[in-house]
Amino acid sequence: MACDGIIQEASVRRLISRFISANDGATAIEYALIAAGIALVIVTAVNSIGDKLNTSYTAVNNALQ
């Protein structure tokens, strides 16, 4: 029975070691956060430009009437 405990302990140590050394998930999350930040900046910029264009077109329309 003592061997089973040693084998399980070694197995758990290997599992923890693999988990700590695996960076794929963390890298994917980092790229997803960067992409989300870029998308947020683009949406904000387009929204702001759209509001300014709407104001400009309204001013031109009012001036032409």
C-alpha atoms as a PDB file:
ATOM      1  CA  MET A   1       0.000   0.000   0.000  1.00  0.00           C
ATOM      2  CA  ALA A   2       2.917   2.373   0.584  1.00  0.00           C
ATOM      3  CA  CYS A   3       3.888   2.086  -3.079  1.00  0.00           C
ATOM      4  CA  ASP A   4       0.451   3.299  -4.151  1.00  0.00           C
ATOM      5  CA  GLY A   5       0.908   6.488  -2.137  1.00  0.00           C
ATOM      6  CA  ILE A   6       4.341   7.106  -3.629  1.00  0.00           C
ATOM      7  CA  ILE A   7       3.041   6.522  -7.155  1.00  0.00           C
ATOM      8  CA  GLN A   8       0.098   8.846  -6.583  1.00  0.00           C
ATOM      9  CA  GLU A   9       2.375  11.513  -5.121  1.00  0.00           C
ATOM     10  CA  ALA A  10       4.706  11.299  -8.126  1.00  0.00           C
ATOM     11  CA  SER A  11       1.716  11.452 -10.449  1.00  0.00           C
ATOM     12  CA  VAL A  12       0.368  14.551  -8.712  1.00  0.00           C
ATOM     13  CA  ARG A  13       3.809  16.173  -8.835  1.00  0.00           C
ATOM     14  CA  ARG A  14       4.044  15.514 -12.585  1.00  0.00           C
ATOM     15  CA  LEU A  15       0.551  16.921 -13.083  1.00  0.00           C
ATOM     16  CA  ILE A  16       1.375  20.089 -11.138  1.00  0.00           C
ATOM     17  CA  SER A  17       4.676  20.440 -12.989  1.00  0.00           C
ATOM     18  CA  ARG A  18       2.941  20.181 -16.378  1.00  0.00           C
ATOM     19  CA  PHE A  19       0.256  22.644 -15.283  1.00  0.00           C
ATOM     20  CA  ILE A  20       2.827  25.204 -14.142  1.00  0.00           C
ATOM     21  CA  SER A  21       4.950  24.867 -17.285  1.00  0.00           C
ATOM     22  CA  ALA A  22       2.003  25.090 -19.716  1.00  0.00           C
ATOM     23  CA  ASN A  23       1.738  28.627 -21.086  1.00  0.00           C
ATOM     24  CA  ASP A  24      -0.602  28.040 -24.020  1.00  0.00           C
ATOM     25  CA  GLY A  25      -3.765  28.976 -22.139  1.00  0.00           C
ATOM     26  CA  ALA A  26      -2.246  32.092 -20.620  1.00  0.00           C
ATOM     27  CA  THR A  27      -0.958  33.240 -23.995  1.00  0.00           C
ATOM     28  CA  ALA A  28      -4.358  32.731 -25.606  1.00  0.00           C
ATOM     29  CA  ILE A  29      -6.020  34.746 -22.847  1.00  0.00           C
ATOM     30  CA  GLU A  30      -3.476  37.547 -23.250  1.00  0.00           C
ATOM     31  CA  TYR A  31      -4.110  37.724 -27.002  1.00  0.00           C
ATOM     32  CA  ALA A  32      -7.871  37.715 -26.408  1.00  0.00           C
ATOM     33  CA  LEU A  33      -7.552  40.633 -23.972  1.00  0.00           C
ATOM     34  CA  ILE A  34      -5.393  42.569 -26.436  1.00  0.00           C
ATOM     35  CA  ALA A  35      -7.905  41.931 -29.241  1.00  0.00           C
ATOM     36  CA  ALA A  36     -10.786  43.026 -26.991  1.00  0.00           C
ATOM     37  CA  GLY A  37      -8.932  46.232 -26.104  1.00  0.00           C
ATOM     38  CA  ILE A  38      -8.233  47.016 -29.750  1.00  0.00           C
ATOM     39  CA  ALA A  39     -11.871  46.337 -30.658  1.00  0.00           C
ATOM     40  CA  LEU A  40     -13.027  48.658 -27.876  1.00  0.00           C
ATOM     41  CA  VAL A  41     -10.753  51.445 -29.136  1.00  0.00           C
ATOM     42  CA  ILE A  42     -12.025  50.976 -32.707  1.00  0.00           C
ATOM     43  CA  VAL A  43     -15.683  51.021 -31.643  1.00  0.00           C
ATOM     44  CA  THR A  44     -15.135  54.140 -29.539  1.00  0.00           C
ATOM     45  CA  ALA A  45     -13.294  55.924 -32.361  1.00  0.00           C
ATOM     46  CA  VAL A  46     -15.915  55.036 -34.971  1.00  0.00           C
ATOM     47  CA  ASN A  47     -18.712  56.129 -32.643  1.00  0.00           C
ATOM     48  CA  SER A  48     -16.990  59.450 -31.957  1.00  0.00           C
ATOM     49  CA  ILE A  49     -16.272  60.077 -35.639  1.00  0.00           C
ATOM     50  CA  GLY A  50     -19.872  59.192 -36.497  1.00  0.00           C
ATOM     51  CA  ASP A  51     -21.211  61.729 -34.009  1.00  0.00           C
ATOM     52  CA  LYS A  52     -18.911  64.445 -35.370  1.00  0.00           C
ATOM     53  CA  LEU A  53     -19.881  63.657 -38.968  1.00  0.00           C
ATOM     54  CA  ASN A  54     -23.562  63.750 -38.057  1.00  0.00           C
ATOM     55  CA  THR A  55     -23.105  67.182 -36.480  1.00  0.00           C
ATOM     56  CA  SER A  56     -21.216  68.434 -39.544  1.00  0.00           C
ATOM     57  CA  TYR A  57     -23.808  67.121 -41.998  1.00  0.00           C
ATOM     58  CA  THR A  58     -26.608  68.645 -39.941  1.00  0.00           C
ATOM     59  CA  ALA A  59     -24.847  72.034 -39.968  1.00  0.00           C
ATOM     60  CA  VAL A  60     -24.342  71.851 -43.744  1.00  0.00           C
ATOM     61  CA  ASN A  61     -27.957  70.787 -44.262  1.00  0.00           C
ATOM     62  CA  ASN A  62     -29.243  73.674 -42.136  1.00  0.00           C
ATOM     63  CA  ALA A  63     -27.000  76.147 -43.981  1.00  0.00           C
ATOM     64  CA  LEU A  64     -28.306  74.995 -47.365  1.00  0.00           C
ATOM     65  CA  GLN A  65     -31.971  75.361 -46.410  1.00  0.00           C
END
